[in-house]
């Protein structure tokens, strides 16, 4: 019975490791949203978006539970997306959400913010 519990724990650990690896891979992929940006004018982003910040955060938290640190409309490969930063288990995650329909486009570990925080802690 004890070996069965150990096997179950190992299997669960393997599944979690695989899922987190997939999330990291998704963060490195090129993201393309549904709303194309033709002019680099951040002041018009809110007018172009069909979704609210609350909808974007809700979608992001559905795939990456934690605490939202920041949510901002951004130009990502000439398309409008919500960039939602979430902290969970002392790790920073970045979730890209389509500004048209709040569909999650990618999720993964935010390497830049995690390195920045590590550097700040060392100082």
PDB file of N, CA and C in Angstrom:
ATOM      1  N   UNK A   1       0.832  -1.198   0.000  1.00  0.00           N
ATOM      2  CA  UNK A   1       0.000   0.000   0.000  1.00  0.00           C
ATOM      3  C   UNK A   1       0.869   1.251   0.000  1.00  0.00           C
ATOM      4  N   UNK A   2       1.945   1.270   0.798  1.00  0.00           N
ATOM      5  CA  UNK A   2       2.840   2.420   0.862  1.00  0.00           C
ATOM      6  C   UNK A   2       3.506   2.667  -0.488  1.00  0.00           C
ATOM      7  N   UNK A   3       3.907   1.600  -1.186  1.00  0.00           N
ATOM      8  CA  UNK A   3       4.546   1.785  -2.495  1.00  0.00           C
ATOM      9  C   UNK A   3       3.554   2.325  -3.525  1.00  0.00           C
ATOM     10  N   UNK A   4       2.293   1.989  -3.366  1.00  0.00           N
ATOM     11  CA  UNK A   4       1.266   2.516  -4.263  1.00  0.00           C
ATOM     12  C   UNK A   4       1.110   4.027  -4.073  1.00  0.00           C
ATOM     13  N   UNK A   5       1.177   4.494  -2.812  1.00  0.00           N
ATOM     14  CA  UNK A   5       1.108   5.928  -2.534  1.00  0.00           C
ATOM     15  C   UNK A   5       2.309   6.654  -3.138  1.00  0.00           C
ATOM     16  N   UNK A   6       3.495   6.060  -2.987  1.00  0.00           N
ATOM     17  CA  UNK A   6       4.703   6.669  -3.546  1.00  0.00           C
ATOM     18  C   UNK A   6       4.609   6.769  -5.066  1.00  0.00           C
ATOM     19  N   UNK A   7       4.088   5.724  -5.689  1.00  0.00           N
ATOM     20  CA  UNK A   7       3.930   5.722  -7.136  1.00  0.00           C
ATOM     21  C   UNK A   7       2.953   6.806  -7.584  1.00  0.00           C
ATOM     22  N   UNK A   8       1.876   6.971  -6.838  1.00  0.00           N
ATOM     23  CA  UNK A   8       0.885   8.004  -7.166  1.00  0.00           C
ATOM     24  C   UNK A   8       1.497   9.398  -7.041  1.00  0.00           C
ATOM     25  N   UNK A   9       2.296   9.613  -5.989  1.00  0.00           N
ATOM     26  CA  UNK A   9       2.948  10.908  -5.792  1.00  0.00           C
ATOM     27  C   UNK A   9       3.941  11.173  -6.922  1.00  0.00           C
ATOM     28  N   UNK A  10       4.709  10.171  -7.319  1.00  0.00           N
ATOM     29  CA  UNK A  10       5.664  10.339  -8.415  1.00  0.00           C
ATOM     30  C   UNK A  10       4.947  10.640  -9.733  1.00  0.00           C
ATOM     31  N   UNK A  11       3.850   9.960  -9.971  1.00  0.00           N
ATOM     32  CA  UNK A  11       3.083  10.191 -11.196  1.00  0.00           C
ATOM     33  C   UNK A  11       2.534  11.615 -11.219  1.00  0.00           C
ATOM     34  N   UNK A  12       2.001  12.074 -10.103  1.00  0.00           N
ATOM     35  CA  UNK A  12       1.469  13.429 -10.016  1.00  0.00           C
ATOM     36  C   UNK A  12       2.586  14.459 -10.230  1.00  0.00           C
ATOM     37  N   UNK A  13       3.750  14.204  -9.647  1.00  0.00           N
ATOM     38  CA  UNK A  13       4.891  15.098  -9.829  1.00  0.00           C
ATOM     39  C   UNK A  13       5.305  15.181 -11.289  1.00  0.00           C
ATOM     40  N   UNK A  14       5.282  14.054 -11.981  1.00  0.00           N
ATOM     41  CA  UNK A  14       5.619  14.040 -13.404  1.00  0.00           C
ATOM     42  C   UNK A  14       4.626  14.826 -14.238  1.00  0.00           C
ATOM     43  N   UNK A  15       3.351  14.707 -13.888  1.00  0.00           N
ATOM     44  CA  UNK A  15       2.309  15.453 -14.598  1.00  0.00           C
ATOM     45  C   UNK A  15       2.493  16.952 -14.378  1.00  0.00           C
ATOM     46  N   UNK A  16       2.749  17.363 -13.147  1.00  0.00           N
ATOM     47  CA  UNK A  16       2.956  18.782 -12.843  1.00  0.00           C
ATOM     48  C   UNK A  16       4.190  19.326 -13.546  1.00  0.00           C
ATOM     49  N   UNK A  17       5.254  18.554 -13.587  1.00  0.00           N
ATOM     50  CA  UNK A  17       6.475  18.984 -14.266  1.00  0.00           C
ATOM     51  C   UNK A  17       6.224  19.155 -15.753  1.00  0.00           C
ATOM     52  N   UNK A  18       5.510  18.224 -16.346  1.00  0.00           N
ATOM     53  CA  UNK A  18       5.178  18.310 -17.768  1.00  0.00           C
ATOM     54  C   UNK A  18       4.317  19.528 -18.039  1.00  0.00           C
ATOM     55  N   UNK A  19       3.322  19.784 -17.200  1.00  0.00           N
ATOM     56  CA  UNK A  19       2.437  20.941 -17.389  1.00  0.00           C
ATOM     57  C   UNK A  19       3.209  22.245 -17.275  1.00  0.00           C
ATOM     58  N   UNK A  20       4.132  22.349 -16.322  1.00  0.00           N
ATOM     59  CA  UNK A  20       4.888  23.596 -16.172  1.00  0.00           C
ATOM     60  C   UNK A  20       5.851  23.789 -17.330  1.00  0.00           C
ATOM     61  N   UNK A  21       6.392  22.706 -17.881  1.00  0.00           N
ATOM     62  CA  UNK A  21       7.271  22.807 -19.036  1.00  0.00           C
ATOM     63  C   UNK A  21       6.502  23.295 -20.248  1.00  0.00           C
ATOM     64  N   UNK A  22       5.287  22.808 -20.440  1.00  0.00           N
ATOM     65  CA  UNK A  22       4.445  23.260 -21.539  1.00  0.00           C
ATOM     66  C   UNK A  22       4.154  24.741 -21.391  1.00  0.00           C
ATOM     67  N   UNK A  23       3.887  25.215 -20.172  1.00  0.00           N
ATOM     68  CA  UNK A  23       3.623  26.629 -19.935  1.00  0.00           C
ATOM     69  C   UNK A  23       4.821  27.494 -20.294  1.00  0.00           C
ATOM     70  N   UNK A  24       6.021  27.043 -19.970  1.00  0.00           N
ATOM     71  CA  UNK A  24       7.218  27.801 -20.300  1.00  0.00           C
ATOM     72  C   UNK A  24       7.395  27.854 -21.805  1.00  0.00           C
ATOM     73  N   UNK A  25       7.151  26.759 -22.483  1.00  0.00           N
ATOM     74  CA  UNK A  25       7.280  26.736 -23.940  1.00  0.00           C
ATOM     75  C   UNK A  25       6.289  27.693 -24.579  1.00  0.00           C
ATOM     76  N   UNK A  26       5.070  27.747 -24.069  1.00  0.00           N
ATOM     77  CA  UNK A  26       4.072  28.643 -24.630  1.00  0.00           C
ATOM     78  C   UNK A  26       4.470  30.102 -24.489  1.00  0.00           C
ATOM     79  N   UNK A  27       5.150  30.454 -23.412  1.00  0.00           N
ATOM     80  CA  UNK A  27       5.537  31.842 -23.191  1.00  0.00           C
ATOM     81  C   UNK A  27       6.564  32.304 -24.214  1.00  0.00           C
ATOM     82  N   UNK A  28       7.359  31.388 -24.756  1.00  0.00           N
ATOM     83  CA  UNK A  28       8.391  31.736 -25.716  1.00  0.00           C
ATOM     84  C   UNK A  28       7.860  31.832 -27.142  1.00  0.00           C
ATOM     85  N   UNK A  29       6.669  31.342 -27.405  1.00  0.00           N
ATOM     86  CA  UNK A  29       6.111  31.365 -28.744  1.00  0.00           C
ATOM     87  C   UNK A  29       5.629  32.760 -29.107  1.00  0.00           C
ATOM     88  N   UNK A  30       5.591  33.024 -30.414  1.00  0.00           N
ATOM     89  CA  UNK A  30       5.053  34.284 -30.897  1.00  0.00           C
ATOM     90  C   UNK A  30       3.549  34.286 -30.670  1.00  0.00           C
ATOM     91  N   UNK A  31       3.048  35.368 -30.095  1.00  0.00           N
ATOM     92  CA  UNK A  31       1.633  35.502 -29.784  1.00  0.00           C
ATOM     93  C   UNK A  31       1.001  36.464 -30.781  1.00  0.00           C
ATOM     94  N   UNK A  32      -0.153  36.077 -31.302  1.00  0.00           N
ATOM     95  CA  UNK A  32      -0.880  36.947 -32.213  1.00  0.00           C
ATOM     96  C   UNK A  32      -2.332  37.003 -31.768  1.00  0.00           C
ATOM     97  N   UNK A  33      -2.802  38.202 -31.467  1.00  0.00           N
ATOM     98  CA  UNK A  33      -4.188  38.394 -31.062  1.00  0.00           C
ATOM     99  C   UNK A  33      -5.079  38.684 -32.256  1.00  0.00           C
ATOM    100  N   UNK A  34      -6.352  38.881 -31.990  1.00  0.00           N
ATOM    101  CA  UNK A  34      -7.349  39.092 -33.036  1.00  0.00           C
ATOM    102  C   UNK A  34      -7.439  40.533 -33.513  1.00  0.00           C
ATOM    103  N   UNK A  35      -7.039  41.485 -32.678  1.00  0.00           N
ATOM    104  CA  UNK A  35      -7.137  42.899 -33.040  1.00  0.00           C
ATOM    105  C   UNK A  35      -5.771  43.376 -33.521  1.00  0.00           C
ATOM    106  N   UNK A  36      -5.705  43.760 -34.794  1.00  0.00           N
ATOM    107  CA  UNK A  36      -4.457  44.239 -35.374  1.00  0.00           C
ATOM    108  C   UNK A  36      -4.228  45.710 -35.024  1.00  0.00           C
ATOM    109  N   UNK A  37      -2.977  46.057 -34.740  1.00  0.00           N
ATOM    110  CA  UNK A  37      -2.608  47.432 -34.448  1.00  0.00           C
ATOM    111  C   UNK A  37      -1.861  47.978 -35.658  1.00  0.00           C
ATOM    112  N   UNK A  38      -2.375  49.063 -36.200  1.00  0.00           N
ATOM    113  CA  UNK A  38      -1.736  49.655 -37.378  1.00  0.00           C
ATOM    114  C   UNK A  38      -0.912  50.881 -37.019  1.00  0.00           C
ATOM    115  N   UNK A  39      -1.208  51.510 -35.896  1.00  0.00           N
ATOM    116  CA  UNK A  39      -0.441  52.672 -35.445  1.00  0.00           C
ATOM    117  C   UNK A  39      -0.009  52.447 -34.009  1.00  0.00           C
ATOM    118  N   UNK A  40       1.212  52.842 -33.713  1.00  0.00           N
ATOM    119  CA  UNK A  40       1.731  52.682 -32.354  1.00  0.00           C
ATOM    120  C   UNK A  40       1.290  53.873 -31.504  1.00  0.00           C
ATOM    121  N   UNK A  41       0.046  53.800 -31.023  1.00  0.00           N
ATOM    122  CA  UNK A  41      -0.522  54.875 -30.224  1.00  0.00           C
ATOM    123  C   UNK A  41      -1.215  54.252 -29.006  1.00  0.00           C
ATOM    124  N   UNK A  42      -0.484  54.127 -27.906  1.00  0.00           N
ATOM    125  CA  UNK A  42      -0.999  53.455 -26.721  1.00  0.00           C
ATOM    126  C   UNK A  42      -2.270  54.086 -26.172  1.00  0.00           C
ATOM    127  N   UNK A  43      -2.488  55.361 -26.423  1.00  0.00           N
ATOM    128  CA  UNK A  43      -3.684  56.019 -25.894  1.00  0.00           C
ATOM    129  C   UNK A  43      -4.957  55.493 -26.534  1.00  0.00           C
ATOM    130  N   UNK A  44      -4.869  54.862 -27.703  1.00  0.00           N
ATOM    131  CA  UNK A  44      -6.066  54.328 -28.361  1.00  0.00           C
ATOM    132  C   UNK A  44      -6.320  52.857 -28.037  1.00  0.00           C
ATOM    133  N   UNK A  45      -5.422  52.206 -27.293  1.00  0.00           N
ATOM    134  CA  UNK A  45      -5.571  50.780 -27.010  1.00  0.00           C
ATOM    135  C   UNK A  45      -6.889  50.463 -26.314  1.00  0.00           C
ATOM    136  N   UNK A  46      -7.283  51.270 -25.341  1.00  0.00           N
ATOM    137  CA  UNK A  46      -8.530  51.007 -24.607  1.00  0.00           C
ATOM    138  C   UNK A  46      -9.742  51.091 -25.530  1.00  0.00           C
ATOM    139  N   UNK A  47      -9.707  52.017 -26.481  1.00  0.00           N
ATOM    140  CA  UNK A  47     -10.808  52.142 -27.431  1.00  0.00           C
ATOM    141  C   UNK A  47     -10.874  50.954 -28.382  1.00  0.00           C
ATOM    142  N   UNK A  48      -9.745  50.358 -28.700  1.00  0.00           N
ATOM    143  CA  UNK A  48      -9.694  49.220 -29.622  1.00  0.00           C
ATOM    144  C   UNK A  48     -10.113  47.905 -28.960  1.00  0.00           C
ATOM    145  N   UNK A  49      -9.890  47.785 -27.662  1.00  0.00           N
ATOM    146  CA  UNK A  49     -10.159  46.532 -26.951  1.00  0.00           C
ATOM    147  C   UNK A  49     -11.658  46.280 -26.795  1.00  0.00           C
ATOM    148  N   UNK A  50     -12.060  45.020 -27.008  1.00  0.00           N
ATOM    149  CA  UNK A  50     -13.449  44.600 -26.793  1.00  0.00           C
ATOM    150  C   UNK A  50     -13.649  44.012 -25.401  1.00  0.00           C
ATOM    151  N   UNK A  51     -12.577  43.893 -24.626  1.00  0.00           N
ATOM    152  CA  UNK A  51     -12.656  43.283 -23.302  1.00  0.00           C
ATOM    153  C   UNK A  51     -12.192  44.276 -22.248  1.00  0.00           C
ATOM    154  N   UNK A  52     -12.636  44.046 -21.036  1.00  0.00           N
ATOM    155  CA  UNK A  52     -12.233  44.892 -19.918  1.00  0.00           C
ATOM    156  C   UNK A  52     -11.041  44.269 -19.193  1.00  0.00           C
ATOM    157  N   UNK A  53     -10.431  45.055 -18.347  1.00  0.00           N
ATOM    158  CA  UNK A  53      -9.326  44.543 -17.543  1.00  0.00           C
ATOM    159  C   UNK A  53      -9.805  43.412 -16.628  1.00  0.00           C
ATOM    160  N   UNK A  54     -11.033  43.521 -16.116  1.00  0.00           N
ATOM    161  CA  UNK A  54     -11.578  42.466 -15.253  1.00  0.00           C
ATOM    162  C   UNK A  54     -11.757  41.157 -16.013  1.00  0.00           C
ATOM    163  N   UNK A  55     -12.210  41.222 -17.258  1.00  0.00           N
ATOM    164  CA  UNK A  55     -12.368  40.015 -18.070  1.00  0.00           C
ATOM    165  C   UNK A  55     -11.003  39.382 -18.351  1.00  0.00           C
ATOM    166  N   UNK A  56     -10.022  40.214 -18.660  1.00  0.00           N
ATOM    167  CA  UNK A  56      -8.678  39.706 -18.934  1.00  0.00           C
ATOM    168  C   UNK A  56      -8.085  39.030 -17.698  1.00  0.00           C
ATOM    169  N   UNK A  57      -8.234  39.666 -16.536  1.00  0.00           N
ATOM    170  CA  UNK A  57      -7.693  39.082 -15.302  1.00  0.00           C
ATOM    171  C   UNK A  57      -8.409  37.782 -14.962  1.00  0.00           C
ATOM    172  N   UNK A  58      -9.723  37.740 -15.155  1.00  0.00           N
ATOM    173  CA  UNK A  58     -10.488  36.527 -14.874  1.00  0.00           C
ATOM    174  C   UNK A  58     -10.021  35.366 -15.754  1.00  0.00           C
ATOM    175  N   UNK A  59      -9.832  35.628 -17.036  1.00  0.00           N
ATOM    176  CA  UNK A  59      -9.355  34.587 -17.960  1.00  0.00           C
ATOM    177  C   UNK A  59      -7.956  34.115 -17.573  1.00  0.00           C
ATOM    178  N   UNK A  60      -7.087  35.077 -17.235  1.00  0.00           N
ATOM    179  CA  UNK A  60      -5.717  34.731 -16.867  1.00  0.00           C
ATOM    180  C   UNK A  60      -5.676  33.889 -15.593  1.00  0.00           C
ATOM    181  N   UNK A  61      -6.466  34.284 -14.593  1.00  0.00           N
ATOM    182  CA  UNK A  61      -6.491  33.535 -13.327  1.00  0.00           C
ATOM    183  C   UNK A  61      -7.110  32.148 -13.478  1.00  0.00           C
ATOM    184  N   UNK A  62      -7.941  31.967 -14.495  1.00  0.00           N
ATOM    185  CA  UNK A  62      -8.544  30.647 -14.729  1.00  0.00           C
ATOM    186  C   UNK A  62      -7.481  29.625 -15.151  1.00  0.00           C
ATOM    187  N   UNK A  63      -6.440  30.086 -15.847  1.00  0.00           N
ATOM    188  CA  UNK A  63      -5.387  29.168 -16.285  1.00  0.00           C
ATOM    189  C   UNK A  63      -4.156  29.210 -15.391  1.00  0.00           C
ATOM    190  N   UNK A  64      -3.961  30.329 -14.675  1.00  0.00           N
ATOM    191  CA  UNK A  64      -2.814  30.464 -13.776  1.00  0.00           C
ATOM    192  C   UNK A  64      -3.271  31.123 -12.476  1.00  0.00           C
ATOM    193  N   UNK A  65      -3.715  30.298 -11.523  1.00  0.00           N
ATOM    194  CA  UNK A  65      -4.170  30.860 -10.244  1.00  0.00           C
ATOM    195  C   UNK A  65      -3.036  31.583  -9.517  1.00  0.00           C
ATOM    196  N   UNK A  66      -3.384  32.610  -8.777  1.00  0.00           N
ATOM    197  CA  UNK A  66      -2.413  33.378  -8.011  1.00  0.00           C
ATOM    198  C   UNK A  66      -2.956  34.766  -7.750  1.00  0.00           C
ATOM    199  N   UNK A  67      -2.060  35.734  -7.632  1.00  0.00           N
ATOM    200  CA  UNK A  67      -2.436  37.121  -7.381  1.00  0.00           C
ATOM    201  C   UNK A  67      -1.973  37.972  -8.562  1.00  0.00           C
ATOM    202  N   UNK A  68      -2.893  38.721  -9.148  1.00  0.00           N
ATOM    203  CA  UNK A  68      -2.543  39.598 -10.261  1.00  0.00           C
ATOM    204  C   UNK A  68      -1.728  40.771  -9.731  1.00  0.00           C
ATOM    205  N   UNK A  69      -0.569  40.973 -10.323  1.00  0.00           N
ATOM    206  CA  UNK A  69       0.315  42.068  -9.959  1.00  0.00           C
ATOM    207  C   UNK A  69       0.111  43.246 -10.905  1.00  0.00           C
ATOM    208  N   UNK A  70      -0.106  42.934 -12.187  1.00  0.00           N
ATOM    209  CA  UNK A  70      -0.248  43.984 -13.189  1.00  0.00           C
ATOM    210  C   UNK A  70      -1.023  43.424 -14.376  1.00  0.00           C
ATOM    211  N   UNK A  71      -1.854  44.264 -14.972  1.00  0.00           N
ATOM    212  CA  UNK A  71      -2.539  43.925 -16.219  1.00  0.00           C
ATOM    213  C   UNK A  71      -2.528  45.160 -17.098  1.00  0.00           C
ATOM    214  N   UNK A  72      -2.072  44.982 -18.331  1.00  0.00           N
ATOM    215  CA  UNK A  72      -1.888  46.138 -19.207  1.00  0.00           C
ATOM    216  C   UNK A  72      -2.127  45.726 -20.656  1.00  0.00           C
ATOM    217  N   UNK A  73      -2.772  46.623 -21.412  1.00  0.00           N
ATOM    218  CA  UNK A  73      -2.912  46.416 -22.847  1.00  0.00           C
ATOM    219  C   UNK A  73      -1.585  46.719 -23.518  1.00  0.00           C
ATOM    220  N   UNK A  74      -1.147  45.816 -24.421  1.00  0.00           N
ATOM    221  CA  UNK A  74       0.138  45.987 -25.086  1.00  0.00           C
ATOM    222  C   UNK A  74       0.072  45.574 -26.543  1.00  0.00           C
ATOM    223  N   UNK A  75       1.011  46.085 -27.302  1.00  0.00           N
ATOM    224  CA  UNK A  75       1.220  45.692 -28.690  1.00  0.00           C
ATOM    225  C   UNK A  75       2.132  44.467 -28.682  1.00  0.00           C
ATOM    226  N   UNK A  76       1.605  43.361 -29.127  1.00  0.00           N
ATOM    227  CA  UNK A  76       2.380  42.118 -29.176  1.00  0.00           C
ATOM    228  C   UNK A  76       2.344  41.614 -30.613  1.00  0.00           C
ATOM    229  N   UNK A  77       3.470  41.769 -31.314  1.00  0.00           N
ATOM    230  CA  UNK A  77       3.555  41.356 -32.716  1.00  0.00           C
ATOM    231  C   UNK A  77       2.474  42.021 -33.562  1.00  0.00           C
ATOM    232  N   UNK A  78       2.281  43.295 -33.363  1.00  0.00           N
ATOM    233  CA  UNK A  78       1.290  44.114 -34.084  1.00  0.00           C
ATOM    234  C   UNK A  78      -0.154  43.695 -33.826  1.00  0.00           C
ATOM    235  N   UNK A  79      -0.414  43.097 -32.675  1.00  0.00           N
ATOM    236  CA  UNK A  79      -1.788  42.808 -32.266  1.00  0.00           C
ATOM    237  C   UNK A  79      -1.974  43.223 -30.811  1.00  0.00           C
ATOM    238  N   UNK A  80      -3.210  43.531 -30.465  1.00  0.00           N
ATOM    239  CA  UNK A  80      -3.521  44.039 -29.133  1.00  0.00           C
ATOM    240  C   UNK A  80      -3.832  42.894 -28.189  1.00  0.00           C
ATOM    241  N   UNK A  81      -3.076  42.809 -27.109  1.00  0.00           N
ATOM    242  CA  UNK A  81      -3.287  41.761 -26.107  1.00  0.00           C
ATOM    243  C   UNK A  81      -3.187  42.363 -24.712  1.00  0.00           C
ATOM    244  N   UNK A  82      -3.839  41.702 -23.773  1.00  0.00           N
ATOM    245  CA  UNK A  82      -3.656  42.017 -22.358  1.00  0.00           C
ATOM    246  C   UNK A  82      -2.454  41.223 -21.871  1.00  0.00           C
ATOM    247  N   UNK A  83      -1.519  41.884 -21.224  1.00  0.00           N
ATOM    248  CA  UNK A  83      -0.395  41.222 -20.578  1.00  0.00           C
ATOM    249  C   UNK A  83      -0.702  41.222 -19.086  1.00  0.00           C
ATOM    250  N   UNK A  84      -0.959  40.042 -18.534  1.00  0.00           N
ATOM    251  CA  UNK A  84      -1.338  39.921 -17.130  1.00  0.00           C
ATOM    252  C   UNK A  84      -0.204  39.218 -16.382  1.00  0.00           C
ATOM    253  N   UNK A  85       0.382  39.908 -15.401  1.00  0.00           N
ATOM    254  CA  UNK A  85       1.441  39.336 -14.565  1.00  0.00           C
ATOM    255  C   UNK A  85       0.814  38.807 -13.282  1.00  0.00           C
ATOM    256  N   UNK A  86       1.101  37.543 -12.988  1.00  0.00           N
ATOM    257  CA  UNK A  86       0.531  36.867 -11.816  1.00  0.00           C
ATOM    258  C   UNK A  86       1.661  36.270 -10.998  1.00  0.00           C
ATOM    259  N   UNK A  87       1.594  36.453  -9.687  1.00  0.00           N
ATOM    260  CA  UNK A  87       2.566  35.818  -8.810  1.00  0.00           C
ATOM    261  C   UNK A  87       1.882  34.650  -8.102  1.00  0.00           C
ATOM    262  N   UNK A  88       2.604  33.524  -8.086  1.00  0.00           N
ATOM    263  CA  UNK A  88       2.098  32.311  -7.438  1.00  0.00           C
ATOM    264  C   UNK A  88       3.294  31.479  -6.990  1.00  0.00           C
ATOM    265  N   UNK A  89       3.292  31.057  -5.749  1.00  0.00           N
ATOM    266  CA  UNK A  89       4.382  30.242  -5.199  1.00  0.00           C
ATOM    267  C   UNK A  89       5.753  30.882  -5.433  1.00  0.00           C
ATOM    268  N   UNK A  90       5.847  32.187  -5.141  1.00  0.00           N
ATOM    269  CA  UNK A  90       7.100  32.943  -5.280  1.00  0.00           C
ATOM    270  C   UNK A  90       7.656  32.910  -6.703  1.00  0.00           C
ATOM    271  N   UNK A  91       6.778  32.774  -7.677  1.00  0.00           N
ATOM    272  CA  UNK A  91       7.169  32.738  -9.083  1.00  0.00           C
ATOM    273  C   UNK A  91       6.292  33.721  -9.853  1.00  0.00           C
ATOM    274  N   UNK A  92       6.877  34.458 -10.787  1.00  0.00           N
ATOM    275  CA  UNK A  92       6.115  35.399 -11.600  1.00  0.00           C
ATOM    276  C   UNK A  92       5.734  34.717 -12.910  1.00  0.00           C
ATOM    277  N   UNK A  93       4.457  34.807 -13.252  1.00  0.00           N
ATOM    278  CA  UNK A  93       3.941  34.240 -14.493  1.00  0.00           C
ATOM    279  C   UNK A  93       3.402  35.362 -15.366  1.00  0.00           C
ATOM    280  N   UNK A  94       3.490  35.163 -16.670  1.00  0.00           N
ATOM    281  CA  UNK A  94       2.974  36.121 -17.631  1.00  0.00           C
ATOM    282  C   UNK A  94       1.925  35.404 -18.480  1.00  0.00           C
ATOM    283  N   UNK A  95       0.728  35.983 -18.509  1.00  0.00           N
ATOM    284  CA  UNK A  95      -0.359  35.409 -19.293  1.00  0.00           C
ATOM    285  C   UNK A  95      -0.781  36.440 -20.329  1.00  0.00           C
ATOM    286  N   UNK A  96      -0.802  36.035 -21.593  1.00  0.00           N
ATOM    287  CA  UNK A  96      -1.241  36.896 -22.692  1.00  0.00           C
ATOM    288  C   UNK A  96      -2.690  36.537 -23.018  1.00  0.00           C
ATOM    289  N   UNK A  97      -3.555  37.575 -23.019  1.00  0.00           N
ATOM    290  CA  UNK A  97      -4.988  37.384 -23.228  1.00  0.00           C
ATOM    291  C   UNK A  97      -5.419  38.234 -24.419  1.00  0.00           C
ATOM    292  N   UNK A  98      -6.177  37.641 -25.336  1.00  0.00           N
ATOM    293  CA  UNK A  98      -6.661  38.348 -26.520  1.00  0.00           C
ATOM    294  C   UNK A  98      -7.595  39.480 -26.101  1.00  0.00           C
ATOM    295  N   UNK A  99      -7.347  40.677 -26.617  1.00  0.00           N
ATOM    296  CA  UNK A  99      -8.156  41.855 -26.271  1.00  0.00           C
ATOM    297  C   UNK A  99      -9.529  41.835 -26.935  1.00  0.00           C
ATOM    298  N   UNK A 100      -9.732  40.935 -27.887  1.00  0.00           N
ATOM    299  CA  UNK A 100     -11.036  40.865 -28.567  1.00  0.00           C
ATOM    300  C   UNK A 100     -12.033  40.018 -27.792  1.00  0.00           C
ATOM    301  N   UNK A 101     -11.592  38.829 -27.338  1.00  0.00           N
ATOM    302  CA  UNK A 101     -12.541  37.891 -26.741  1.00  0.00           C
ATOM    303  C   UNK A 101     -12.102  37.304 -25.398  1.00  0.00           C
ATOM    304  N   UNK A 102     -11.018  37.818 -24.823  1.00  0.00           N
ATOM    305  CA  UNK A 102     -10.484  37.377 -23.529  1.00  0.00           C
ATOM    306  C   UNK A 102     -10.012  35.918 -23.542  1.00  0.00           C
ATOM    307  N   UNK A 103      -9.693  35.407 -24.726  1.00  0.00           N
ATOM    308  CA  UNK A 103      -9.151  34.053 -24.834  1.00  0.00           C
ATOM    309  C   UNK A 103      -7.667  34.086 -24.461  1.00  0.00           C
ATOM    310  N   UNK A 104      -7.228  33.131 -23.653  1.00  0.00           N
ATOM    311  CA  UNK A 104      -5.824  33.053 -23.266  1.00  0.00           C
ATOM    312  C   UNK A 104      -5.007  32.580 -24.468  1.00  0.00           C
ATOM    313  N   UNK A 105      -3.997  33.363 -24.818  1.00  0.00           N
ATOM    314  CA  UNK A 105      -3.149  33.062 -25.967  1.00  0.00           C
ATOM    315  C   UNK A 105      -1.880  32.321 -25.567  1.00  0.00           C
ATOM    316  N   UNK A 106      -1.336  32.657 -24.397  1.00  0.00           N
ATOM    317  CA  UNK A 106      -0.140  31.966 -23.910  1.00  0.00           C
ATOM    318  C   UNK A 106      -0.001  32.197 -22.416  1.00  0.00           C
ATOM    319  N   UNK A 107       0.746  31.317 -21.797  1.00  0.00           N
ATOM    320  CA  UNK A 107       1.051  31.451 -20.378  1.00  0.00           C
ATOM    321  C   UNK A 107       2.410  30.832 -20.115  1.00  0.00           C
ATOM    322  N   UNK A 108       3.125  31.402 -19.182  1.00  0.00           N
ATOM    323  CA  UNK A 108       4.421  30.842 -18.847  1.00  0.00           C
ATOM    324  C   UNK A 108       5.116  31.645 -17.773  1.00  0.00           C
ATOM    325  N   UNK A 109       6.264  31.151 -17.376  1.00  0.00           N
ATOM    326  CA  UNK A 109       7.063  31.825 -16.355  1.00  0.00           C
ATOM    327  C   UNK A 109       7.679  33.064 -16.972  1.00  0.00           C
ATOM    328  N   UNK A 110       7.593  34.171 -16.278  1.00  0.00           N
ATOM    329  CA  UNK A 110       8.162  35.434 -16.739  1.00  0.00           C
ATOM    330  C   UNK A 110       9.613  35.489 -16.268  1.00  0.00           C
ATOM    331  N   UNK A 111      10.516  35.055 -17.123  1.00  0.00           N
ATOM    332  CA  UNK A 111      11.938  34.956 -16.760  1.00  0.00           C
ATOM    333  C   UNK A 111      12.532  36.300 -16.374  1.00  0.00           C
ATOM    334  N   UNK A 112      12.192  37.346 -17.103  1.00  0.00           N
ATOM    335  CA  UNK A 112      12.777  38.673 -16.839  1.00  0.00           C
ATOM    336  C   UNK A 112      12.395  39.174 -15.457  1.00  0.00           C
ATOM    337  N   UNK A 113      11.113  39.083 -15.096  1.00  0.00           N
ATOM    338  CA  UNK A 113      10.684  39.556 -13.781  1.00  0.00           C
ATOM    339  C   UNK A 113      11.227  38.680 -12.664  1.00  0.00           C
ATOM    340  N   UNK A 114      11.356  37.383 -12.877  1.00  0.00           N
ATOM    341  CA  UNK A 114      11.904  36.516 -11.845  1.00  0.00           C
ATOM    342  C   UNK A 114      13.382  36.818 -11.614  1.00  0.00           C
ATOM    343  N   UNK A 115      14.140  37.098 -12.676  1.00  0.00           N
ATOM    344  CA  UNK A 115      15.551  37.452 -12.522  1.00  0.00           C
ATOM    345  C   UNK A 115      15.688  38.796 -11.826  1.00  0.00           C
ATOM    346  N   UNK A 116      14.827  39.742 -12.178  1.00  0.00           N
ATOM    347  CA  UNK A 116      14.864  41.070 -11.561  1.00  0.00           C
ATOM    348  C   UNK A 116      14.618  40.958 -10.062  1.00  0.00           C
ATOM    349  N   UNK A 117      13.631  40.167  -9.669  1.00  0.00           N
ATOM    350  CA  UNK A 117      13.323  40.022  -8.253  1.00  0.00           C
ATOM    351  C   UNK A 117      14.474  39.355  -7.516  1.00  0.00           C
ATOM    352  N   UNK A 118      15.105  38.353  -8.145  1.00  0.00           N
ATOM    353  CA  UNK A 118      16.251  37.689  -7.521  1.00  0.00           C
ATOM    354  C   UNK A 118      17.387  38.681  -7.312  1.00  0.00           C
ATOM    355  N   UNK A 119      17.623  39.533  -8.294  1.00  0.00           N
ATOM    356  CA  UNK A 119      18.678  40.542  -8.186  1.00  0.00           C
ATOM    357  C   UNK A 119      18.360  41.533  -7.076  1.00  0.00           C
ATOM    358  N   UNK A 120      17.102  41.960  -6.990  1.00  0.00           N
ATOM    359  CA  UNK A 120      16.703  42.922  -5.963  1.00  0.00           C
ATOM    360  C   UNK A 120      16.853  42.340  -4.578  1.00  0.00           C
ATOM    361  N   UNK A 121      16.606  41.056  -4.402  1.00  0.00           N
ATOM    362  CA  UNK A 121      16.721  40.419  -3.097  1.00  0.00           C
ATOM    363  C   UNK A 121      18.186  40.347  -2.678  1.00  0.00           C
ATOM    364  N   UNK A 122      19.093  40.128  -3.626  1.00  0.00           N
ATOM    365  CA  UNK A 122      20.520  40.019  -3.316  1.00  0.00           C
ATOM    366  C   UNK A 122      21.108  41.336  -2.831  1.00  0.00           C
ATOM    367  N   UNK A 123      20.619  42.457  -3.333  1.00  0.00           N
ATOM    368  CA  UNK A 123      21.180  43.767  -2.984  1.00  0.00           C
ATOM    369  C   UNK A 123      20.959  44.130  -1.547  1.00  0.00           C
TER     370      UNK A 123
END
